Amino acid sequence: MLFVTYTEGTTSVFDAHVAQYHLFADDAQSYDHCPVSAASSLVTRLLSCVTDLANSYASLRLQLNPSKTEFICMVWYTSQFSQVTD
């Protein structure tokens, strides 16, 4: 029951920042993807989301743990393979 009470406003914060998310019993994860050229904009948007989450939680007398708030950047490249025909 407490989980629902503490997280019911969380989804609207993620939605406002157009961020995807997963909610767990003691954790919230947000993620999104973008082209490399838009990475700076994505980080700014997610930082704003974290700030709004912190403010939302503060209204419930909760606090985000700064030592557990982190960003992980994953980059992958695809290469085009020539199509082999028989």
Protein backbone atom coordinates (compact mmCIF):
# COMPACT_ATOMS: atom_id res chain seq x y z
CA MET A 1 0.00 0.00 0.00
CA LEU A 2 2.77 2.45 0.81
CA PHE A 3 4.41 1.75 -2.55
CA VAL A 4 1.29 2.95 -4.36
CA THR A 5 1.04 6.03 -2.15
CA TYR A 6 4.63 7.04 -2.82
CA THR A 7 4.69 6.26 -6.52
CA GLU A 8 1.27 7.40 -7.73
CA GLY A 9 2.59 10.84 -8.71
CA THR A 10 5.81 9.47 -10.14
CA THR A 11 4.37 8.31 -13.44
CA SER A 12 3.03 11.78 -14.27
CA VAL A 13 6.52 13.25 -13.77
CA PHE A 14 8.03 10.75 -16.20
CA ASP A 15 5.20 11.36 -18.65
CA ALA A 16 5.70 15.14 -18.46
CA HIS A 17 9.33 14.66 -19.50
CA VAL A 18 8.47 12.07 -22.16
CA ALA A 19 10.75 9.58 -20.43
CA GLN A 20 10.24 5.85 -20.29
CA TYR A 21 10.40 4.24 -16.86
CA HIS A 22 10.17 1.16 -14.69
CA LEU A 23 9.02 1.30 -11.07
CA PHE A 24 10.19 -1.25 -8.52
CA ALA A 25 9.53 -1.61 -4.79
CA ASP A 26 12.53 0.51 -3.82
CA ASP A 27 13.75 1.91 -7.12
CA ALA A 28 12.68 3.91 -10.13
CA GLN A 29 14.52 3.72 -13.42
CA SER A 30 14.10 6.10 -16.30
CA TYR A 31 15.54 5.70 -19.74
CA ASP A 32 15.19 6.85 -23.29
CA HIS A 33 17.06 6.73 -26.54
CA CYS A 34 18.16 9.25 -29.12
CA PRO A 35 20.63 9.81 -31.91
CA VAL A 36 24.13 10.71 -30.74
CA SER A 37 23.59 14.25 -32.01
CA ALA A 38 20.71 14.71 -29.52
CA ALA A 39 22.45 13.19 -26.46
CA SER A 40 22.98 16.55 -24.77
CA SER A 41 19.29 17.38 -25.07
CA LEU A 42 18.33 13.96 -23.69
CA VAL A 43 20.61 14.36 -20.66
CA THR A 44 19.14 17.82 -19.99
CA ARG A 45 15.61 16.40 -20.19
CA LEU A 46 16.41 13.51 -17.83
CA LEU A 47 18.16 15.84 -15.37
CA SER A 48 15.04 17.99 -15.32
CA CYS A 49 12.99 14.85 -14.72
CA VAL A 50 15.16 13.87 -11.75
CA THR A 51 14.81 17.38 -10.30
CA ASP A 52 11.02 17.22 -10.61
CA LEU A 53 10.99 13.74 -9.03
CA ALA A 54 13.06 15.03 -6.12
CA ASN A 55 10.59 17.88 -5.63
CA SER A 56 7.64 15.50 -5.84
CA TYR A 57 9.17 13.14 -3.31
CA ALA A 58 10.11 16.03 -1.02
CA SER A 59 6.42 16.93 -0.79
CA LEU A 60 5.93 13.42 0.66
CA ARG A 61 8.87 13.96 3.04
CA LEU A 62 11.02 11.58 1.03
CA GLN A 63 14.46 12.25 -0.38
CA LEU A 64 16.28 10.87 -3.40
CA ASN A 65 19.62 9.34 -2.51
CA PRO A 66 22.17 11.34 -4.55
CA SER A 67 24.76 8.57 -4.24
CA LYS A 68 22.39 6.21 -6.04
CA THR A 69 21.22 8.64 -8.72
CA GLU A 70 23.23 7.92 -11.82
CA PHE A 71 23.21 8.16 -15.58
CA ILE A 72 24.44 5.36 -17.77
CA CYS A 73 25.11 6.05 -21.41
CA MET A 74 25.14 3.17 -23.87
CA VAL A 75 26.21 3.67 -27.43
CA TRP A 76 26.16 1.08 -30.14
CA TYR A 77 27.02 1.24 -33.74
CA THR A 78 25.55 -0.76 -36.54
CA SER A 79 27.35 -1.53 -39.69
CA GLN A 80 25.76 -2.34 -42.94
CA PHE A 81 26.59 -5.70 -44.37
CA SER A 82 26.37 -6.22 -48.08
CA GLN A 83 23.65 -8.60 -49.01
CA VAL A 84 24.93 -11.86 -50.35
CA THR A 85 22.89 -13.28 -53.18
CA ASP A 86 23.13 -16.74 -54.68
